[in-house]
N, C-alpha and C. Protein backbone atom coordinates (compact mmCIF):
# COMPACT_ATOMS: atom_id res chain seq x y z
N MET A 1 27.01 165.24 123.44
CA MET A 1 28.42 164.92 123.26
C MET A 1 28.96 165.72 122.09
N ALA A 2 30.03 166.45 122.32
CA ALA A 2 30.58 167.31 121.27
C ALA A 2 31.20 166.45 120.19
N SER A 3 30.97 166.83 118.94
CA SER A 3 31.55 166.09 117.81
C SER A 3 32.89 166.70 117.45
N THR A 4 33.76 165.87 116.97
CA THR A 4 35.08 166.35 116.54
C THR A 4 35.19 166.20 115.04
N SER A 5 35.77 167.19 114.41
CA SER A 5 35.93 167.17 112.95
C SER A 5 37.15 166.35 112.60
N PRO A 6 37.06 165.50 111.58
CA PRO A 6 38.23 164.71 111.17
C PRO A 6 39.33 165.61 110.62
N VAL A 7 40.56 165.21 110.88
CA VAL A 7 41.69 165.97 110.36
C VAL A 7 41.83 165.72 108.88
N ALA A 8 41.89 166.79 108.11
CA ALA A 8 41.98 166.67 106.66
C ALA A 8 43.35 166.11 106.27
N ALA A 9 43.34 165.15 105.38
CA ALA A 9 44.60 164.58 104.89
C ALA A 9 45.28 165.55 103.95
N LYS A 10 46.60 165.59 103.99
CA LYS A 10 47.34 166.45 103.09
C LYS A 10 47.26 165.90 101.67
N PRO A 11 47.03 166.76 100.70
CA PRO A 11 46.90 166.28 99.33
C PRO A 11 48.23 165.78 98.79
N GLY A 12 48.15 164.82 97.88
CA GLY A 12 49.34 164.35 97.20
C GLY A 12 50.13 163.36 98.03
N ARG A 13 51.10 162.74 97.36
CA ARG A 13 51.95 161.77 98.03
C ARG A 13 53.07 162.48 98.79
N PRO A 14 53.52 161.89 99.90
CA PRO A 14 54.66 162.51 100.61
C PRO A 14 55.90 162.49 99.72
N ARG A 15 56.73 163.49 99.86
CA ARG A 15 57.95 163.61 99.06
C ARG A 15 58.92 162.47 99.41
N ASP A 16 59.44 161.83 98.40
CA ASP A 16 60.39 160.73 98.58
C ASP A 16 61.74 161.32 98.97
N PRO A 17 62.21 161.09 100.21
CA PRO A 17 63.46 161.73 100.66
C PRO A 17 64.70 161.25 99.91
N GLY A 18 64.63 160.06 99.32
CA GLY A 18 65.79 159.54 98.61
C GLY A 18 65.77 159.78 97.11
N ALA A 19 64.71 160.44 96.64
CA ALA A 19 64.55 160.60 95.19
C ALA A 19 65.66 161.47 94.59
N ASP A 20 66.03 162.55 95.27
CA ASP A 20 67.04 163.45 94.71
C ASP A 20 68.36 162.73 94.47
N ASP A 21 68.78 161.94 95.46
CA ASP A 21 70.05 161.21 95.31
C ASP A 21 69.96 160.20 94.17
N ARG A 22 68.85 159.50 94.07
CA ARG A 22 68.69 158.51 93.00
C ARG A 22 68.67 159.18 91.64
N ILE A 23 68.02 160.32 91.56
CA ILE A 23 67.94 161.04 90.29
C ILE A 23 69.32 161.52 89.85
N LEU A 24 70.05 162.12 90.77
CA LEU A 24 71.38 162.63 90.41
C LEU A 24 72.32 161.50 90.01
N GLN A 25 72.23 160.36 90.70
CA GLN A 25 73.05 159.22 90.30
C GLN A 25 72.62 158.71 88.93
N ALA A 26 71.32 158.74 88.67
CA ALA A 26 70.82 158.31 87.36
C ALA A 26 71.31 159.25 86.26
N VAL A 27 71.37 160.55 86.56
CA VAL A 27 71.89 161.52 85.60
C VAL A 27 73.35 161.20 85.27
N VAL A 28 74.13 160.95 86.31
CA VAL A 28 75.55 160.62 86.11
C VAL A 28 75.69 159.34 85.28
N ASP A 29 74.89 158.32 85.59
CA ASP A 29 74.95 157.07 84.85
C ASP A 29 74.56 157.28 83.39
N GLU A 30 73.56 158.11 83.17
CA GLU A 30 73.13 158.40 81.80
C GLU A 30 74.22 159.15 81.03
N LEU A 31 74.84 160.13 81.67
CA LEU A 31 75.92 160.88 81.02
C LEU A 31 77.11 159.98 80.73
N ALA A 32 77.40 159.06 81.65
CA ALA A 32 78.52 158.14 81.45
C ALA A 32 78.28 157.25 80.24
N GLU A 33 77.03 156.90 80.01
CA GLU A 33 76.70 155.97 78.92
C GLU A 33 76.47 156.67 77.60
N THR A 34 75.83 157.84 77.64
CA THR A 34 75.40 158.47 76.39
C THR A 34 76.04 159.82 76.11
N GLY A 35 76.67 160.42 77.13
CA GLY A 35 77.16 161.78 76.96
C GLY A 35 76.02 162.78 76.95
N VAL A 36 76.34 164.02 76.64
CA VAL A 36 75.32 165.08 76.63
C VAL A 36 74.38 164.91 75.44
N ALA A 37 74.92 164.58 74.28
CA ALA A 37 74.12 164.50 73.07
C ALA A 37 73.02 163.45 73.17
N GLY A 38 73.33 162.31 73.81
CA GLY A 38 72.34 161.24 73.89
C GLY A 38 71.51 161.25 75.15
N PHE A 39 71.68 162.27 75.99
CA PHE A 39 70.99 162.34 77.28
C PHE A 39 69.47 162.40 77.08
N ARG A 40 68.74 161.51 77.79
CA ARG A 40 67.29 161.44 77.67
C ARG A 40 66.63 161.49 79.04
N ILE A 41 65.65 162.38 79.19
CA ILE A 41 64.91 162.52 80.44
C ILE A 41 64.20 161.21 80.79
N ASN A 42 63.58 160.58 79.80
CA ASN A 42 62.86 159.34 80.06
C ASN A 42 63.78 158.26 80.63
N SER A 43 64.98 158.20 80.11
CA SER A 43 65.93 157.21 80.57
C SER A 43 66.34 157.48 82.02
N VAL A 44 66.55 158.74 82.36
CA VAL A 44 66.90 159.11 83.73
C VAL A 44 65.78 158.72 84.69
N ALA A 45 64.53 159.00 84.30
CA ALA A 45 63.40 158.65 85.16
C ALA A 45 63.35 157.14 85.38
N ALA A 46 63.59 156.38 84.33
CA ALA A 46 63.57 154.92 84.46
C ALA A 46 64.70 154.43 85.35
N ARG A 47 65.89 155.00 85.19
CA ARG A 47 67.03 154.60 86.02
C ARG A 47 66.76 154.90 87.49
N ALA A 48 66.17 156.07 87.75
CA ALA A 48 65.93 156.50 89.14
C ALA A 48 64.66 155.90 89.73
N LYS A 49 63.86 155.24 88.87
CA LYS A 49 62.59 154.65 89.30
C LYS A 49 61.66 155.72 89.88
N VAL A 50 61.54 156.81 89.13
CA VAL A 50 60.61 157.88 89.50
C VAL A 50 59.79 158.26 88.27
N ALA A 51 58.67 158.91 88.52
CA ALA A 51 57.86 159.40 87.41
C ALA A 51 58.56 160.59 86.76
N LYS A 52 58.32 160.76 85.48
CA LYS A 52 58.96 161.86 84.76
C LYS A 52 58.58 163.21 85.38
N ARG A 53 57.34 163.31 85.85
CA ARG A 53 56.92 164.58 86.45
C ARG A 53 57.70 164.90 87.72
N THR A 54 58.21 163.85 88.39
CA THR A 54 59.03 164.08 89.58
C THR A 54 60.29 164.85 89.22
N LEU A 55 60.86 164.54 88.05
CA LEU A 55 62.05 165.28 87.60
C LEU A 55 61.73 166.74 87.37
N TYR A 56 60.59 166.98 86.73
CA TYR A 56 60.26 168.35 86.36
C TYR A 56 59.83 169.20 87.55
N THR A 57 59.42 168.57 88.65
CA THR A 57 59.11 169.36 89.84
C THR A 57 60.37 169.85 90.53
N ARG A 58 61.51 169.19 90.21
CA ARG A 58 62.79 169.57 90.81
C ARG A 58 63.66 170.35 89.84
N TRP A 59 63.70 169.93 88.60
CA TRP A 59 64.49 170.60 87.56
C TRP A 59 63.60 170.79 86.35
N THR A 60 63.23 172.02 86.09
CA THR A 60 62.23 172.28 85.05
C THR A 60 62.79 172.15 83.64
N GLU A 61 64.10 172.27 83.48
CA GLU A 61 64.71 172.20 82.15
C GLU A 61 65.72 171.05 82.09
N ARG A 62 65.87 170.47 80.90
CA ARG A 62 66.84 169.39 80.67
C ARG A 62 68.25 169.84 81.04
N ASP A 63 68.63 171.05 80.64
CA ASP A 63 69.97 171.55 80.94
C ASP A 63 70.21 171.67 82.43
N ASP A 64 69.17 172.07 83.18
CA ASP A 64 69.31 172.19 84.64
C ASP A 64 69.61 170.82 85.26
N LEU A 65 68.96 169.79 84.73
CA LEU A 65 69.16 168.44 85.24
C LEU A 65 70.57 167.95 84.91
N ILE A 66 71.02 168.20 83.69
CA ILE A 66 72.37 167.80 83.31
C ILE A 66 73.40 168.52 84.19
N LEU A 67 73.22 169.82 84.38
CA LEU A 67 74.16 170.58 85.18
C LEU A 67 74.18 170.09 86.62
N ALA A 68 73.02 169.73 87.16
CA ALA A 68 72.96 169.22 88.53
C ALA A 68 73.77 167.94 88.66
N GLY A 69 73.67 167.09 87.65
CA GLY A 69 74.46 165.86 87.67
C GLY A 69 75.94 166.14 87.53
N LEU A 70 76.30 167.02 86.61
CA LEU A 70 77.71 167.36 86.41
C LEU A 70 78.31 168.00 87.66
N SER A 71 77.51 168.78 88.35
CA SER A 71 78.01 169.48 89.54
C SER A 71 78.43 168.50 90.63
N THR A 72 77.81 167.32 90.65
CA THR A 72 78.21 166.32 91.65
C THR A 72 79.57 165.71 91.31
N LEU A 73 80.04 165.93 90.07
CA LEU A 73 81.32 165.37 89.64
C LEU A 73 82.45 166.37 89.73
N CYS A 74 82.13 167.63 89.89
CA CYS A 74 83.14 168.69 89.81
C CYS A 74 83.83 168.92 91.15
N VAL A 75 84.92 169.65 91.07
CA VAL A 75 85.70 169.99 92.25
C VAL A 75 85.15 171.29 92.84
N HIS A 76 84.69 171.24 94.07
CA HIS A 76 84.18 172.43 94.75
C HIS A 76 85.12 172.73 95.92
N LEU A 77 85.85 173.83 95.80
CA LEU A 77 86.88 174.15 96.79
C LEU A 77 86.45 175.28 97.71
N ARG A 78 87.08 175.31 98.88
CA ARG A 78 86.97 176.45 99.79
C ARG A 78 88.38 176.87 100.17
N SER A 79 88.57 178.16 100.33
CA SER A 79 89.89 178.66 100.68
C SER A 79 90.29 178.19 102.07
N PRO A 80 91.44 177.53 102.22
CA PRO A 80 91.85 177.03 103.55
C PRO A 80 92.14 178.14 104.55
N ARG A 81 92.72 179.25 104.05
CA ARG A 81 93.05 180.41 104.90
C ARG A 81 93.86 179.99 106.13
N THR A 82 94.97 179.29 105.91
CA THR A 82 95.83 178.88 107.02
C THR A 82 96.80 179.97 107.43
N GLY A 83 96.92 181.03 106.61
CA GLY A 83 97.90 182.08 106.89
C GLY A 83 99.23 181.82 106.24
N SER A 84 99.34 180.75 105.45
CA SER A 84 100.58 180.40 104.78
C SER A 84 100.27 179.96 103.35
N LEU A 85 100.97 180.53 102.38
CA LEU A 85 100.76 180.16 100.98
C LEU A 85 101.05 178.68 100.77
N GLU A 86 102.17 178.20 101.32
CA GLU A 86 102.51 176.80 101.10
C GLU A 86 101.48 175.86 101.71
N ARG A 87 101.04 176.13 102.92
CA ARG A 87 100.04 175.26 103.55
C ARG A 87 98.72 175.31 102.80
N ASP A 88 98.31 176.51 102.36
CA ASP A 88 97.07 176.63 101.58
C ASP A 88 97.15 175.81 100.30
N LEU A 89 98.27 175.94 99.58
CA LEU A 89 98.40 175.23 98.30
C LEU A 89 98.47 173.72 98.50
N ARG A 90 99.10 173.28 99.56
CA ARG A 90 99.15 171.84 99.82
C ARG A 90 97.76 171.29 100.08
N LEU A 91 96.96 172.01 100.84
CA LEU A 91 95.60 171.56 101.11
C LEU A 91 94.75 171.57 99.85
N LEU A 92 94.88 172.63 99.05
CA LEU A 92 94.14 172.70 97.80
C LEU A 92 94.57 171.59 96.84
N PHE A 93 95.87 171.33 96.80
CA PHE A 93 96.39 170.27 95.93
C PHE A 93 95.76 168.93 96.32
N ASP A 94 95.78 168.61 97.60
CA ASP A 94 95.27 167.31 98.05
C ASP A 94 93.77 167.19 97.80
N GLU A 95 93.03 168.25 98.08
CA GLU A 95 91.58 168.20 97.88
C GLU A 95 91.25 168.03 96.39
N THR A 96 91.97 168.77 95.54
CA THR A 96 91.73 168.68 94.10
C THR A 96 92.15 167.32 93.57
N ALA A 97 93.31 166.84 93.99
CA ALA A 97 93.80 165.54 93.53
C ALA A 97 92.84 164.42 93.92
N ASP A 98 92.29 164.49 95.13
CA ASP A 98 91.33 163.47 95.56
C ASP A 98 90.12 163.44 94.64
N ALA A 99 89.61 164.64 94.29
CA ALA A 99 88.43 164.70 93.43
C ALA A 99 88.75 164.21 92.02
N LEU A 100 89.90 164.61 91.50
CA LEU A 100 90.26 164.23 90.14
C LEU A 100 90.65 162.76 90.03
N ASP A 101 91.01 162.15 91.15
CA ASP A 101 91.39 160.74 91.13
C ASP A 101 90.18 159.83 91.00
N SER A 102 89.00 160.35 91.28
CA SER A 102 87.79 159.55 91.18
C SER A 102 87.45 159.27 89.72
N PRO A 103 87.05 158.03 89.40
CA PRO A 103 86.61 157.74 88.02
C PRO A 103 85.45 158.63 87.58
N ARG A 104 84.71 159.16 88.55
CA ARG A 104 83.58 160.03 88.21
C ARG A 104 84.04 161.29 87.50
N TRP A 105 85.26 161.76 87.82
CA TRP A 105 85.76 162.96 87.17
C TRP A 105 85.92 162.74 85.67
N LEU A 106 86.25 161.53 85.26
CA LEU A 106 86.44 161.25 83.84
C LEU A 106 85.13 161.44 83.07
N ILE A 107 84.00 161.22 83.75
CA ILE A 107 82.71 161.45 83.11
C ILE A 107 82.54 162.94 82.82
N ALA A 108 82.85 163.77 83.81
CA ALA A 108 82.75 165.22 83.61
C ALA A 108 83.71 165.68 82.53
N ALA A 109 84.93 165.13 82.53
CA ALA A 109 85.92 165.51 81.52
C ALA A 109 85.44 165.15 80.12
N ARG A 110 84.84 163.98 79.99
CA ARG A 110 84.31 163.57 78.69
C ARG A 110 83.19 164.51 78.24
N CYS A 111 82.27 164.79 79.15
CA CYS A 111 81.14 165.66 78.80
C CYS A 111 81.60 167.07 78.46
N SER A 112 82.67 167.53 79.12
CA SER A 112 83.14 168.90 78.86
C SER A 112 83.58 169.08 77.41
N LEU A 113 83.97 167.99 76.75
CA LEU A 113 84.35 168.08 75.34
C LEU A 113 83.15 168.33 74.45
N GLU A 114 81.97 167.91 74.90
CA GLU A 114 80.74 168.13 74.12
C GLU A 114 80.10 169.48 74.40
N LEU A 115 80.35 170.02 75.58
CA LEU A 115 79.58 171.18 76.03
C LEU A 115 79.70 172.41 75.15
N PRO A 116 80.83 172.68 74.47
CA PRO A 116 80.86 173.85 73.59
C PRO A 116 79.77 173.83 72.51
N ASP A 117 79.21 172.67 72.22
CA ASP A 117 78.10 172.59 71.27
C ASP A 117 76.79 173.03 71.89
N TYR A 118 76.79 173.26 73.21
CA TYR A 118 75.60 173.69 73.94
C TYR A 118 75.98 174.93 74.74
N PRO A 119 76.00 176.10 74.09
CA PRO A 119 76.56 177.31 74.71
C PRO A 119 75.98 177.68 76.07
N GLU A 120 74.66 177.58 76.23
CA GLU A 120 74.06 177.97 77.50
C GLU A 120 74.46 177.01 78.61
N LEU A 121 74.45 175.73 78.30
CA LEU A 121 74.85 174.73 79.29
C LEU A 121 76.33 174.87 79.61
N TYR A 122 77.13 175.15 78.59
CA TYR A 122 78.57 175.31 78.82
C TYR A 122 78.84 176.51 79.73
N ALA A 123 78.08 177.59 79.53
CA ALA A 123 78.28 178.78 80.36
C ALA A 123 78.00 178.46 81.83
N MET A 124 76.96 177.68 82.09
CA MET A 124 76.63 177.31 83.47
C MET A 124 77.68 176.35 84.03
N PHE A 125 78.15 175.42 83.20
CA PHE A 125 79.18 174.48 83.62
C PHE A 125 80.47 175.23 83.96
N GLN A 126 80.83 176.19 83.13
CA GLN A 126 82.04 176.96 83.38
C GLN A 126 81.94 177.74 84.68
N ARG A 127 80.77 178.32 84.93
CA ARG A 127 80.58 179.09 86.16
C ARG A 127 80.72 178.22 87.40
N ASP A 128 80.07 177.06 87.40
CA ASP A 128 79.99 176.23 88.60
C ASP A 128 81.17 175.29 88.77
N CYS A 129 81.74 174.81 87.66
CA CYS A 129 82.73 173.74 87.75
C CYS A 129 84.14 174.17 87.37
N ILE A 130 84.28 175.32 86.73
CA ILE A 130 85.61 175.79 86.33
C ILE A 130 85.95 177.09 87.06
N ASP A 131 85.07 178.08 86.94
CA ASP A 131 85.37 179.38 87.54
C ASP A 131 85.42 179.32 89.06
N GLN A 132 84.56 178.50 89.67
CA GLN A 132 84.51 178.46 91.14
C GLN A 132 85.84 177.97 91.75
N PRO A 133 86.36 176.81 91.34
CA PRO A 133 87.65 176.40 91.93
C PRO A 133 88.80 177.33 91.56
N LEU A 134 88.78 177.89 90.34
CA LEU A 134 89.83 178.83 89.96
C LEU A 134 89.78 180.07 90.85
N ALA A 135 88.58 180.53 91.17
CA ALA A 135 88.44 181.71 92.02
C ALA A 135 89.02 181.45 93.42
N VAL A 136 88.89 180.23 93.91
CA VAL A 136 89.43 179.90 95.23
C VAL A 136 90.96 179.94 95.19
N VAL A 137 91.56 179.39 94.13
CA VAL A 137 93.02 179.43 94.01
C VAL A 137 93.49 180.88 93.91
N GLU A 138 92.76 181.69 93.14
CA GLU A 138 93.12 183.11 93.04
C GLU A 138 93.01 183.80 94.39
N ASP A 139 92.00 183.46 95.17
CA ASP A 139 91.86 184.04 96.51
C ASP A 139 93.05 183.71 97.39
N VAL A 140 93.51 182.46 97.31
CA VAL A 140 94.69 182.04 98.09
C VAL A 140 95.90 182.86 97.68
N LEU A 141 96.07 183.06 96.36
CA LEU A 141 97.20 183.85 95.87
C LEU A 141 97.06 185.32 96.26
N TYR A 142 95.83 185.83 96.25
CA TYR A 142 95.61 187.22 96.67
C TYR A 142 95.98 187.42 98.14
N ASP A 143 95.52 186.48 98.98
CA ASP A 143 95.86 186.57 100.40
C ASP A 143 97.37 186.53 100.60
N ALA A 144 98.04 185.66 99.83
CA ALA A 144 99.49 185.57 99.94
C ALA A 144 100.15 186.87 99.49
N GLN A 145 99.59 187.50 98.48
CA GLN A 145 100.12 188.77 98.00
C GLN A 145 100.00 189.84 99.08
N GLN A 146 98.88 189.86 99.78
CA GLN A 146 98.68 190.83 100.84
C GLN A 146 99.65 190.61 102.00
N ARG A 147 100.08 189.38 102.19
CA ARG A 147 101.04 189.08 103.26
C ARG A 147 102.48 189.26 102.80
N GLY A 148 102.67 189.58 101.53
CA GLY A 148 104.02 189.75 100.99
C GLY A 148 104.70 188.46 100.60
N GLU A 149 103.93 187.39 100.46
CA GLU A 149 104.51 186.09 100.10
C GLU A 149 104.62 185.88 98.59
N LEU A 150 103.92 186.71 97.81
CA LEU A 150 103.88 186.47 96.37
C LEU A 150 104.91 187.34 95.66
N ARG A 151 105.55 186.76 94.67
CA ARG A 151 106.56 187.47 93.89
C ARG A 151 105.93 188.67 93.19
N THR A 152 106.63 189.78 93.15
CA THR A 152 106.15 190.99 92.48
C THR A 152 105.92 190.72 91.00
N GLY A 153 104.78 191.19 90.50
CA GLY A 153 104.49 191.06 89.08
C GLY A 153 103.80 189.78 88.68
N ILE A 154 103.53 188.88 89.63
CA ILE A 154 102.86 187.63 89.31
C ILE A 154 101.41 187.91 88.89
N ASP A 155 101.00 187.33 87.78
CA ASP A 155 99.61 187.40 87.33
C ASP A 155 98.84 186.28 88.03
N ARG A 156 97.99 186.64 88.97
CA ARG A 156 97.29 185.63 89.77
C ARG A 156 96.39 184.75 88.92
N THR A 157 95.77 185.32 87.89
CA THR A 157 94.89 184.53 87.03
C THR A 157 95.67 183.45 86.29
N VAL A 158 96.81 183.83 85.72
CA VAL A 158 97.64 182.85 85.01
C VAL A 158 98.17 181.79 85.97
N ALA A 159 98.58 182.21 87.16
CA ALA A 159 99.09 181.27 88.15
C ALA A 159 98.00 180.28 88.58
N ALA A 160 96.78 180.77 88.80
CA ALA A 160 95.68 179.89 89.20
C ALA A 160 95.35 178.89 88.09
N GLU A 161 95.32 179.37 86.85
CA GLU A 161 95.07 178.48 85.72
C GLU A 161 96.16 177.41 85.62
N THR A 162 97.41 177.82 85.83
CA THR A 162 98.52 176.87 85.76
C THR A 162 98.38 175.79 86.83
N PHE A 163 98.06 176.22 88.04
CA PHE A 163 97.89 175.27 89.16
C PHE A 163 96.78 174.26 88.84
N ALA A 164 95.60 174.76 88.45
CA ALA A 164 94.44 173.89 88.24
C ALA A 164 94.62 173.01 87.00
N ASN A 165 95.08 173.60 85.91
CA ASN A 165 95.21 172.83 84.67
C ASN A 165 96.30 171.77 84.76
N SER A 166 97.35 172.06 85.52
CA SER A 166 98.40 171.05 85.70
C SER A 166 97.85 169.84 86.43
N LEU A 167 97.09 170.08 87.49
CA LEU A 167 96.51 168.96 88.23
C LEU A 167 95.55 168.16 87.35
N ALA A 168 94.75 168.86 86.57
CA ALA A 168 93.83 168.17 85.66
C ALA A 168 94.60 167.35 84.64
N GLY A 169 95.71 167.89 84.14
CA GLY A 169 96.51 167.18 83.16
C GLY A 169 97.13 165.91 83.72
N PHE A 170 97.53 165.97 84.99
CA PHE A 170 98.11 164.79 85.63
C PHE A 170 97.06 163.73 85.97
N SER A 171 95.78 164.08 85.80
CA SER A 171 94.69 163.18 86.20
C SER A 171 93.90 162.64 85.02
N THR A 172 94.37 162.87 83.79
CA THR A 172 93.65 162.38 82.62
C THR A 172 93.83 160.88 82.47
N HIS A 173 92.99 160.29 81.63
CA HIS A 173 93.09 158.85 81.36
C HIS A 173 94.44 158.54 80.71
N ILE A 174 94.87 159.41 79.80
CA ILE A 174 96.15 159.18 79.13
C ILE A 174 97.30 159.22 80.14
N ALA A 175 97.23 160.18 81.07
CA ALA A 175 98.28 160.27 82.10
C ALA A 175 98.32 158.99 82.93
N ARG A 176 97.15 158.46 83.24
CA ARG A 176 97.10 157.24 84.03
C ARG A 176 97.70 156.07 83.26
N LEU A 177 97.42 156.00 81.96
CA LEU A 177 97.99 154.93 81.14
C LEU A 177 99.52 155.02 81.11
N ARG A 178 100.04 156.24 81.22
CA ARG A 178 101.49 156.45 81.23
C ARG A 178 102.09 156.25 82.62
N GLY A 179 101.24 155.98 83.60
CA GLY A 179 101.73 155.80 84.96
C GLY A 179 101.98 157.10 85.69
N VAL A 180 101.38 158.19 85.21
CA VAL A 180 101.55 159.51 85.83
C VAL A 180 100.30 159.83 86.63
N SER A 181 100.48 160.43 87.79
CA SER A 181 99.34 160.83 88.60
C SER A 181 99.68 162.09 89.37
N ALA A 182 98.65 162.81 89.80
CA ALA A 182 98.87 164.01 90.61
C ALA A 182 99.57 163.65 91.91
N TYR A 183 99.18 162.54 92.51
CA TYR A 183 99.82 162.11 93.75
C TYR A 183 101.31 161.85 93.54
N GLY A 184 101.65 161.28 92.39
CA GLY A 184 103.03 160.92 92.13
C GLY A 184 103.96 162.10 91.94
N VAL A 185 103.40 163.25 91.52
CA VAL A 185 104.25 164.42 91.27
C VAL A 185 104.03 165.50 92.32
N ARG A 186 103.34 165.16 93.40
CA ARG A 186 102.92 166.17 94.38
C ARG A 186 104.06 167.06 94.85
N GLU A 187 105.10 166.48 95.40
CA GLU A 187 106.16 167.28 95.98
C GLU A 187 106.94 168.05 94.92
N GLN A 188 107.22 167.40 93.79
CA GLN A 188 107.96 168.08 92.72
C GLN A 188 107.16 169.26 92.17
N PHE A 189 105.85 169.04 91.98
CA PHE A 189 105.02 170.10 91.43
C PHE A 189 104.92 171.28 92.40
N LEU A 190 104.63 170.99 93.67
CA LEU A 190 104.49 172.07 94.64
C LEU A 190 105.79 172.85 94.80
N ASP A 191 106.91 172.15 94.79
CA ASP A 191 108.20 172.82 94.88
C ASP A 191 108.41 173.74 93.69
N LEU A 192 108.10 173.23 92.49
CA LEU A 192 108.26 174.03 91.27
C LEU A 192 107.32 175.23 91.25
N PHE A 193 106.06 175.00 91.62
CA PHE A 193 105.07 176.08 91.58
C PHE A 193 105.41 177.16 92.61
N LEU A 194 105.74 176.73 93.82
CA LEU A 194 106.08 177.71 94.86
C LEU A 194 107.33 178.49 94.50
N HIS A 195 108.29 177.83 93.90
CA HIS A 195 109.50 178.53 93.47
C HIS A 195 109.19 179.60 92.42
N ALA A 196 108.17 179.34 91.61
CA ALA A 196 107.81 180.27 90.54
C ALA A 196 107.04 181.49 91.06
N VAL A 197 106.20 181.29 92.09
CA VAL A 197 105.29 182.36 92.49
C VAL A 197 105.68 183.02 93.81
N ARG A 198 106.46 182.37 94.62
CA ARG A 198 106.71 182.89 95.97
C ARG A 198 107.84 183.93 95.95
N ALA A 199 107.65 184.96 96.75
CA ALA A 199 108.68 185.99 96.88
C ALA A 199 109.95 185.38 97.47
N ASP A 200 111.09 185.91 97.07
CA ASP A 200 112.37 185.37 97.54
C ASP A 200 112.51 185.43 99.05
N THR A 201 111.84 186.42 99.66
CA THR A 201 111.98 186.60 101.11
C THR A 201 110.98 185.78 101.90
N ALA A 202 110.05 185.08 101.19
CA ALA A 202 109.03 184.31 101.90
C ALA A 202 109.65 183.07 102.50
N GLY A 203 109.10 182.67 103.66
CA GLY A 203 109.63 181.48 104.33
C GLY A 203 109.27 180.23 103.58
């Protein structure tokens, strides 16, 4: 009778499919409570109910882990490319306002005040959470310029910064205390912004 060899068991424990989500939520909770300065790897592991080594197999550096958590709070945009400047800006406005309306955004805003004290982390945060959405707004303005919808001489970088920073300003805690919100000024803001950047001949 022919003998059969036993199938070798795979070494190590199977990867926990829910660990990444728990870890990232634990990072956000830790940042909300302690900010960047008080952020502790041990505390994140305890919150996520994972071993500390589990964190390091996914994010080898403390800054990488912080950035991963912050990235879940940031606005990540894609160019709508509807063929119309007004339609593109309306979609971008709504998507950005939805993200900034979340209480989670206030955590990122708070942490951003600390980040200049951590130059390398700030550079990564700026790339992923500031430059990326600004680049999308600039792309929308560039496409509009190619279609002849943009006013001659408009600086697309300044216009994109104005669009994004205005929405962020309408979404701060202080703005909310004053009863101001991005949703509340939507039509007035879009009318004002389009009047400033759109060519006179654009529909």
